[in-house]
């Protein structure tokens, strides 16, 4: 599978969030062999948990699958640029790669507001690929919020 194929899996997760009336963000984690070992979609409202972002939930599932809080060699695919909290968790998990769709100019911590994934002061850095299926990812969010404003 390609980065684009995995991003389609993340978009499928984002649609699950939308169905639950959560901000439609989805994420998947793949091991080095390309197997999806973690999936997540936004659930902070349903879970009454401000940390229930798609990335955090996918990391938790991947870590449980591996029986290890470290995920070396793994890649996360997420529909939008992660926030500060989520980038921190990715770095703590020692992920190898992050692939995201749309940039987030209001809270993105990878390329928009901060560049935490590549900060040499930290003891781990992530390889980053930005813009995979960005139009689809951006459109999903825009459609969701357009619908919210229309209510």
N, C-alpha and C. Protein backbone atom coordinates (compact mmCIF):
# COMPACT_ATOMS: atom_id res chain seq x y z
N UNK A 1 0.84 -1.20 0.00
CA UNK A 1 0.00 0.00 0.00
C UNK A 1 0.88 1.25 0.00
N UNK A 2 0.34 2.30 -0.56
CA UNK A 2 1.06 3.57 -0.63
C UNK A 2 0.61 4.51 0.49
N UNK A 3 1.32 5.63 0.64
CA UNK A 3 0.91 6.63 1.62
C UNK A 3 -0.53 7.07 1.35
N UNK A 4 -0.87 7.22 0.09
CA UNK A 4 -2.24 7.64 -0.27
C UNK A 4 -3.26 6.59 0.17
N UNK A 5 -2.94 5.32 0.00
CA UNK A 5 -3.85 4.24 0.42
C UNK A 5 -4.08 4.27 1.93
N UNK A 6 -3.01 4.44 2.69
CA UNK A 6 -3.15 4.50 4.14
C UNK A 6 -3.93 5.74 4.57
N UNK A 7 -3.75 6.84 3.84
CA UNK A 7 -4.50 8.05 4.17
C UNK A 7 -5.99 7.83 3.94
N UNK A 8 -6.33 7.01 2.96
CA UNK A 8 -7.74 6.69 2.75
C UNK A 8 -8.31 5.96 3.97
N UNK A 9 -7.49 5.13 4.61
CA UNK A 9 -7.91 4.46 5.84
C UNK A 9 -8.13 5.47 6.96
N UNK A 10 -7.24 6.47 7.04
CA UNK A 10 -7.40 7.53 8.03
C UNK A 10 -8.66 8.35 7.75
N UNK A 11 -8.93 8.60 6.49
CA UNK A 11 -10.15 9.33 6.12
C UNK A 11 -11.40 8.54 6.50
N UNK A 12 -11.35 7.22 6.36
CA UNK A 12 -12.48 6.38 6.78
C UNK A 12 -12.72 6.54 8.28
N UNK A 13 -11.64 6.63 9.05
CA UNK A 13 -11.77 6.88 10.49
C UNK A 13 -12.39 8.26 10.74
N UNK A 14 -11.96 9.25 9.97
CA UNK A 14 -12.49 10.61 10.13
C UNK A 14 -14.00 10.62 9.88
N UNK A 15 -14.45 9.86 8.93
CA UNK A 15 -15.89 9.78 8.65
C UNK A 15 -16.64 9.20 9.85
N UNK A 16 -16.02 8.28 10.58
CA UNK A 16 -16.64 7.73 11.79
C UNK A 16 -16.82 8.84 12.84
N UNK A 17 -15.84 9.72 12.94
CA UNK A 17 -15.96 10.84 13.88
C UNK A 17 -17.13 11.73 13.47
N UNK A 18 -17.23 12.02 12.19
CA UNK A 18 -18.32 12.86 11.71
C UNK A 18 -19.67 12.23 12.04
N UNK A 19 -19.77 10.93 11.82
CA UNK A 19 -21.02 10.22 12.12
C UNK A 19 -21.42 10.38 13.59
N UNK A 20 -20.41 10.54 14.45
CA UNK A 20 -20.66 10.71 15.89
C UNK A 20 -20.74 12.19 16.28
N UNK A 21 -20.77 13.07 15.29
CA UNK A 21 -20.84 14.52 15.49
C UNK A 21 -19.60 15.06 16.21
N UNK A 22 -18.47 14.42 15.95
CA UNK A 22 -17.16 14.89 16.45
C UNK A 22 -16.42 15.51 15.27
N UNK A 23 -15.45 16.34 15.53
CA UNK A 23 -14.63 16.92 14.46
C UNK A 23 -14.01 15.76 13.68
N UNK A 24 -14.20 15.73 12.36
CA UNK A 24 -13.79 14.57 11.57
C UNK A 24 -12.28 14.49 11.30
N UNK A 25 -11.60 13.93 12.27
CA UNK A 25 -10.16 13.66 12.14
C UNK A 25 -9.96 12.19 12.40
N UNK A 26 -9.15 11.56 11.55
CA UNK A 26 -8.88 10.14 11.69
C UNK A 26 -7.41 9.85 11.58
N UNK A 27 -7.00 8.72 12.17
CA UNK A 27 -5.59 8.34 12.16
C UNK A 27 -5.45 6.82 12.14
N UNK A 28 -4.38 6.36 11.52
CA UNK A 28 -4.00 4.95 11.59
C UNK A 28 -2.50 4.87 11.82
N UNK A 29 -2.07 3.79 12.48
CA UNK A 29 -0.65 3.52 12.71
C UNK A 29 -0.32 2.20 12.03
N UNK A 30 0.78 2.19 11.29
CA UNK A 30 1.25 0.99 10.61
C UNK A 30 2.59 0.57 11.19
N UNK A 31 2.79 -0.74 11.29
CA UNK A 31 4.10 -1.24 11.70
C UNK A 31 5.03 -1.25 10.50
N UNK A 32 6.31 -1.57 10.69
CA UNK A 32 7.25 -1.54 9.56
C UNK A 32 6.88 -2.48 8.41
N UNK A 33 6.10 -3.53 8.68
CA UNK A 33 5.67 -4.45 7.63
C UNK A 33 4.46 -3.92 6.86
N UNK A 34 3.90 -2.78 7.29
CA UNK A 34 2.78 -2.18 6.59
C UNK A 34 1.41 -2.59 7.11
N UNK A 35 1.37 -3.34 8.20
CA UNK A 35 0.11 -3.76 8.80
C UNK A 35 -0.44 -2.63 9.67
N UNK A 36 -1.72 -2.32 9.53
CA UNK A 36 -2.35 -1.33 10.39
C UNK A 36 -2.56 -1.95 11.76
N UNK A 37 -1.92 -1.36 12.77
CA UNK A 37 -2.00 -1.90 14.13
C UNK A 37 -2.73 -0.97 15.10
N UNK A 38 -3.12 0.20 14.61
CA UNK A 38 -3.87 1.13 15.45
C UNK A 38 -4.74 2.03 14.60
N UNK A 39 -5.95 2.25 15.08
CA UNK A 39 -6.90 3.13 14.41
C UNK A 39 -7.52 4.06 15.45
N UNK A 40 -7.86 5.26 15.01
CA UNK A 40 -8.54 6.17 15.92
C UNK A 40 -9.23 7.27 15.17
N UNK A 41 -10.28 7.77 15.78
CA UNK A 41 -10.97 8.96 15.27
C UNK A 41 -11.34 9.81 16.48
N UNK A 42 -11.49 11.10 16.25
CA UNK A 42 -11.76 12.02 17.35
C UNK A 42 -12.94 11.55 18.18
N UNK A 43 -12.78 11.60 19.52
CA UNK A 43 -13.84 11.22 20.45
C UNK A 43 -13.85 12.05 21.73
N UNK A 44 -13.30 13.27 21.74
CA UNK A 44 -13.26 13.99 23.02
C UNK A 44 -14.63 14.28 23.62
N UNK A 45 -15.62 14.53 22.78
CA UNK A 45 -16.96 14.84 23.30
C UNK A 45 -17.58 13.58 23.89
N UNK A 46 -17.60 12.51 23.12
CA UNK A 46 -18.22 11.26 23.58
C UNK A 46 -17.51 10.68 24.79
N UNK A 47 -16.20 10.79 24.81
CA UNK A 47 -15.42 10.22 25.91
C UNK A 47 -15.26 11.17 27.09
N UNK A 48 -15.74 12.40 26.95
CA UNK A 48 -15.51 13.43 27.98
C UNK A 48 -14.03 13.47 28.36
N UNK A 49 -13.20 13.48 27.33
CA UNK A 49 -11.76 13.35 27.50
C UNK A 49 -11.05 14.27 26.51
N UNK A 50 -10.44 15.36 26.98
CA UNK A 50 -9.77 16.27 26.07
C UNK A 50 -8.58 15.65 25.34
N UNK A 51 -8.11 14.51 25.81
CA UNK A 51 -6.99 13.85 25.13
C UNK A 51 -7.44 12.80 24.12
N UNK A 52 -8.74 12.64 23.90
CA UNK A 52 -9.25 11.60 23.00
C UNK A 52 -9.21 12.05 21.54
N UNK A 53 -8.04 12.53 21.14
CA UNK A 53 -7.83 12.88 19.74
C UNK A 53 -7.55 11.60 18.96
N UNK A 54 -7.79 11.65 17.66
CA UNK A 54 -7.60 10.49 16.79
C UNK A 54 -6.19 9.90 16.95
N UNK A 55 -5.19 10.78 17.00
CA UNK A 55 -3.80 10.32 17.08
C UNK A 55 -3.55 9.56 18.38
N UNK A 56 -4.04 10.08 19.48
CA UNK A 56 -3.82 9.46 20.79
C UNK A 56 -4.49 8.09 20.83
N UNK A 57 -5.71 8.01 20.32
CA UNK A 57 -6.43 6.74 20.35
C UNK A 57 -5.75 5.70 19.45
N UNK A 58 -5.25 6.13 18.29
CA UNK A 58 -4.53 5.20 17.41
C UNK A 58 -3.22 4.74 18.06
N UNK A 59 -2.52 5.66 18.72
CA UNK A 59 -1.29 5.28 19.43
C UNK A 59 -1.57 4.27 20.53
N UNK A 60 -2.62 4.50 21.30
CA UNK A 60 -2.96 3.58 22.38
C UNK A 60 -3.24 2.18 21.84
N UNK A 61 -3.99 2.10 20.76
CA UNK A 61 -4.30 0.80 20.18
C UNK A 61 -3.05 0.13 19.62
N UNK A 62 -2.18 0.88 18.97
CA UNK A 62 -0.95 0.32 18.43
C UNK A 62 -0.03 -0.18 19.55
N UNK A 63 0.09 0.61 20.60
CA UNK A 63 0.93 0.21 21.74
C UNK A 63 0.39 -1.06 22.39
N UNK A 64 -0.93 -1.15 22.54
CA UNK A 64 -1.53 -2.35 23.12
C UNK A 64 -1.28 -3.55 22.21
N UNK A 65 -1.37 -3.34 20.91
CA UNK A 65 -1.13 -4.42 19.95
C UNK A 65 0.29 -4.96 20.08
N UNK A 66 1.25 -4.05 20.22
CA UNK A 66 2.65 -4.45 20.32
C UNK A 66 3.07 -4.82 21.73
N UNK A 67 2.27 -4.43 22.71
CA UNK A 67 2.66 -4.66 24.09
C UNK A 67 3.85 -3.82 24.50
N UNK A 68 3.93 -2.60 23.92
CA UNK A 68 5.06 -1.73 24.19
C UNK A 68 4.62 -0.29 23.94
N UNK A 69 5.00 0.62 24.83
CA UNK A 69 4.65 2.02 24.62
C UNK A 69 5.53 2.68 23.57
N UNK A 70 6.60 2.05 23.18
CA UNK A 70 7.46 2.54 22.11
C UNK A 70 7.04 1.89 20.80
N UNK A 71 7.01 2.67 19.75
CA UNK A 71 6.57 2.20 18.44
C UNK A 71 7.63 2.47 17.38
N UNK A 72 8.86 2.02 17.59
CA UNK A 72 9.93 2.30 16.62
C UNK A 72 9.62 1.68 15.26
N UNK A 73 9.96 2.41 14.22
CA UNK A 73 9.75 1.92 12.87
C UNK A 73 8.33 2.09 12.37
N UNK A 74 7.43 2.57 13.22
CA UNK A 74 6.03 2.71 12.84
C UNK A 74 5.76 4.08 12.19
N UNK A 75 4.68 4.12 11.44
CA UNK A 75 4.24 5.34 10.75
C UNK A 75 2.81 5.65 11.15
N UNK A 76 2.54 6.92 11.40
CA UNK A 76 1.16 7.36 11.62
C UNK A 76 0.70 8.15 10.41
N UNK A 77 -0.53 7.88 9.99
CA UNK A 77 -1.22 8.63 8.95
C UNK A 77 -2.38 9.33 9.63
N UNK A 78 -2.46 10.64 9.48
CA UNK A 78 -3.54 11.40 10.12
C UNK A 78 -4.02 12.46 9.14
N UNK A 79 -5.32 12.73 9.18
CA UNK A 79 -5.93 13.59 8.17
C UNK A 79 -5.58 15.07 8.31
N UNK A 80 -5.15 15.48 9.49
CA UNK A 80 -4.79 16.89 9.69
C UNK A 80 -3.49 16.95 10.50
N UNK A 81 -2.78 18.01 10.33
CA UNK A 81 -1.55 18.25 11.08
C UNK A 81 -1.81 18.17 12.57
N UNK A 82 -1.06 17.34 13.28
CA UNK A 82 -1.29 17.18 14.73
C UNK A 82 -1.01 18.43 15.56
N UNK A 83 -1.71 18.50 16.69
CA UNK A 83 -1.55 19.59 17.65
C UNK A 83 -0.33 19.31 18.55
N UNK A 84 -0.05 20.23 19.44
CA UNK A 84 1.09 20.10 20.35
C UNK A 84 1.00 18.82 21.17
N UNK A 85 -0.17 18.53 21.74
CA UNK A 85 -0.33 17.33 22.56
C UNK A 85 -0.02 16.07 21.76
N UNK A 86 -0.56 16.01 20.56
CA UNK A 86 -0.40 14.80 19.76
C UNK A 86 1.03 14.63 19.25
N UNK A 87 1.67 15.72 18.84
CA UNK A 87 3.07 15.60 18.42
C UNK A 87 3.92 15.14 19.60
N UNK A 88 3.64 15.66 20.78
CA UNK A 88 4.37 15.21 21.97
C UNK A 88 4.22 13.71 22.18
N UNK A 89 3.02 13.21 22.01
CA UNK A 89 2.79 11.76 22.17
C UNK A 89 3.51 10.97 21.09
N UNK A 90 3.52 11.47 19.86
CA UNK A 90 4.22 10.77 18.77
C UNK A 90 5.71 10.68 19.06
N UNK A 91 6.26 11.77 19.58
CA UNK A 91 7.68 11.77 19.93
C UNK A 91 7.97 10.83 21.08
N UNK A 92 7.11 10.81 22.09
CA UNK A 92 7.30 9.91 23.22
C UNK A 92 7.22 8.45 22.78
N UNK A 93 6.38 8.17 21.79
CA UNK A 93 6.23 6.80 21.28
C UNK A 93 7.39 6.41 20.36
N UNK A 94 8.21 7.36 19.99
CA UNK A 94 9.36 7.13 19.11
C UNK A 94 8.94 6.62 17.72
N UNK A 95 7.81 7.15 17.23
CA UNK A 95 7.41 6.82 15.87
C UNK A 95 8.51 7.23 14.91
N UNK A 96 8.60 6.53 13.80
CA UNK A 96 9.60 6.87 12.80
C UNK A 96 9.10 7.96 11.85
N UNK A 97 7.84 7.79 11.40
CA UNK A 97 7.29 8.69 10.38
C UNK A 97 5.91 9.20 10.76
N UNK A 98 5.63 10.41 10.29
CA UNK A 98 4.31 11.00 10.38
C UNK A 98 3.93 11.45 8.98
N UNK A 99 2.76 11.02 8.53
CA UNK A 99 2.23 11.45 7.24
C UNK A 99 0.89 12.11 7.54
N UNK A 100 0.73 13.37 7.14
CA UNK A 100 -0.56 14.01 7.38
C UNK A 100 -1.10 14.65 6.11
N UNK A 101 -2.41 14.88 6.14
CA UNK A 101 -3.10 15.45 4.98
C UNK A 101 -3.04 16.96 4.96
N UNK A 102 -4.00 17.60 5.61
CA UNK A 102 -4.11 19.05 5.58
C UNK A 102 -3.34 19.71 6.71
N UNK A 103 -2.74 20.84 6.41
CA UNK A 103 -2.10 21.65 7.45
C UNK A 103 -3.18 22.26 8.34
N UNK A 104 -2.80 22.60 9.57
CA UNK A 104 -3.74 23.22 10.51
C UNK A 104 -3.14 24.54 10.98
N UNK A 105 -3.50 25.64 10.31
CA UNK A 105 -2.88 26.93 10.64
C UNK A 105 -3.22 27.45 12.03
N UNK A 106 -4.25 26.90 12.67
CA UNK A 106 -4.65 27.40 13.99
C UNK A 106 -4.03 26.63 15.15
N UNK A 107 -3.68 25.35 14.94
CA UNK A 107 -3.09 24.60 16.06
C UNK A 107 -2.07 23.56 15.63
N UNK A 108 -1.65 23.57 14.40
CA UNK A 108 -0.68 22.59 13.92
C UNK A 108 0.69 22.79 14.54
N UNK A 109 1.27 21.70 15.01
CA UNK A 109 2.55 21.77 15.71
C UNK A 109 3.68 21.08 14.95
N UNK A 110 3.46 20.82 13.64
CA UNK A 110 4.49 20.16 12.83
C UNK A 110 5.10 21.14 11.83
N UNK A 111 4.25 21.91 11.13
CA UNK A 111 4.76 22.88 10.16
C UNK A 111 4.10 24.25 10.28
N UNK A 112 2.91 24.33 10.87
CA UNK A 112 2.16 25.58 10.85
C UNK A 112 2.56 26.55 11.95
N UNK A 113 2.30 26.22 13.20
CA UNK A 113 2.64 27.11 14.31
C UNK A 113 4.00 26.78 14.92
N UNK A 114 4.28 25.50 15.02
CA UNK A 114 5.53 25.02 15.62
C UNK A 114 6.11 23.94 14.72
N UNK A 115 7.35 23.60 14.96
CA UNK A 115 8.02 22.54 14.20
C UNK A 115 8.61 21.53 15.18
N UNK A 116 7.73 21.02 16.06
CA UNK A 116 8.19 20.14 17.13
C UNK A 116 8.76 18.82 16.63
N UNK A 117 8.25 18.30 15.53
CA UNK A 117 8.69 16.99 15.04
C UNK A 117 10.15 16.99 14.59
N UNK A 118 10.68 18.17 14.30
CA UNK A 118 12.06 18.26 13.82
C UNK A 118 12.96 19.08 14.74
N UNK A 119 12.50 19.39 15.92
CA UNK A 119 13.27 20.23 16.84
C UNK A 119 14.50 19.46 17.34
N UNK A 120 15.70 19.92 17.01
CA UNK A 120 16.91 19.19 17.41
C UNK A 120 17.18 19.21 18.91
N UNK A 121 16.48 20.07 19.64
CA UNK A 121 16.64 20.10 21.10
C UNK A 121 15.98 18.92 21.78
N UNK A 122 15.07 18.26 21.08
CA UNK A 122 14.38 17.10 21.62
C UNK A 122 15.20 15.84 21.33
N UNK A 123 14.95 14.79 22.11
CA UNK A 123 15.77 13.58 21.95
C UNK A 123 15.25 12.65 20.86
N UNK A 124 14.23 13.04 20.13
CA UNK A 124 13.73 12.24 19.01
C UNK A 124 13.12 13.19 17.98
N UNK A 125 13.29 12.87 16.72
CA UNK A 125 12.66 13.63 15.64
C UNK A 125 11.89 12.64 14.75
N UNK A 126 10.91 13.16 14.06
CA UNK A 126 10.08 12.36 13.16
C UNK A 126 10.36 12.73 11.72
N UNK A 127 10.36 11.73 10.85
CA UNK A 127 10.31 12.02 9.42
C UNK A 127 8.88 12.47 9.15
N UNK A 128 8.73 13.54 8.37
CA UNK A 128 7.39 14.08 8.12
C UNK A 128 7.14 14.16 6.63
N UNK A 129 5.95 13.70 6.23
CA UNK A 129 5.46 13.87 4.87
C UNK A 129 4.13 14.61 5.01
N UNK A 130 4.05 15.79 4.42
CA UNK A 130 2.84 16.61 4.53
C UNK A 130 2.11 16.65 3.20
N UNK A 131 0.80 16.83 3.28
CA UNK A 131 0.02 17.09 2.08
C UNK A 131 -0.52 15.88 1.34
N UNK A 132 -0.47 14.70 1.93
CA UNK A 132 -1.00 13.51 1.26
C UNK A 132 -2.54 13.58 1.31
N UNK A 133 -3.16 13.56 0.15
CA UNK A 133 -4.62 13.68 0.01
C UNK A 133 -5.14 14.92 0.73
N UNK A 134 -4.34 15.98 0.71
CA UNK A 134 -4.70 17.18 1.47
C UNK A 134 -6.03 17.78 1.04
N UNK A 135 -6.36 17.74 -0.23
CA UNK A 135 -7.63 18.33 -0.67
C UNK A 135 -8.81 17.57 -0.06
N UNK A 136 -8.74 16.25 -0.06
CA UNK A 136 -9.81 15.44 0.54
C UNK A 136 -9.92 15.69 2.04
N UNK A 137 -8.78 15.76 2.69
CA UNK A 137 -8.77 15.97 4.14
C UNK A 137 -9.31 17.35 4.50
N UNK A 138 -8.88 18.35 3.78
CA UNK A 138 -9.34 19.72 4.02
C UNK A 138 -10.83 19.84 3.74
N UNK A 139 -11.27 19.26 2.62
CA UNK A 139 -12.68 19.36 2.24
C UNK A 139 -13.59 18.73 3.28
N UNK A 140 -13.16 17.61 3.83
CA UNK A 140 -13.96 16.94 4.86
C UNK A 140 -14.19 17.87 6.06
N UNK A 141 -13.14 18.51 6.51
CA UNK A 141 -13.26 19.44 7.64
C UNK A 141 -14.12 20.65 7.28
N UNK A 142 -13.89 21.20 6.10
CA UNK A 142 -14.67 22.36 5.68
C UNK A 142 -16.15 22.03 5.58
N UNK A 143 -16.47 20.88 5.02
CA UNK A 143 -17.87 20.47 4.90
C UNK A 143 -18.51 20.29 6.27
N UNK A 144 -17.76 19.69 7.19
CA UNK A 144 -18.28 19.48 8.54
C UNK A 144 -18.61 20.81 9.21
N UNK A 145 -17.67 21.74 9.18
CA UNK A 145 -17.89 23.03 9.85
C UNK A 145 -18.91 23.89 9.10
N UNK A 146 -18.97 23.77 7.79
CA UNK A 146 -20.00 24.48 7.04
C UNK A 146 -21.38 23.99 7.50
N UNK A 147 -21.52 22.69 7.70
CA UNK A 147 -22.77 22.14 8.19
C UNK A 147 -23.10 22.62 9.59
N UNK A 148 -22.08 22.74 10.43
CA UNK A 148 -22.29 23.23 11.81
C UNK A 148 -22.78 24.68 11.79
N UNK A 149 -22.16 25.49 10.97
CA UNK A 149 -22.54 26.91 10.90
C UNK A 149 -23.93 27.07 10.31
N UNK A 150 -24.35 26.14 9.48
CA UNK A 150 -25.66 26.20 8.83
C UNK A 150 -26.80 25.86 9.77
N UNK A 151 -26.49 25.23 10.90
CA UNK A 151 -27.56 24.82 11.83
C UNK A 151 -28.09 25.99 12.63
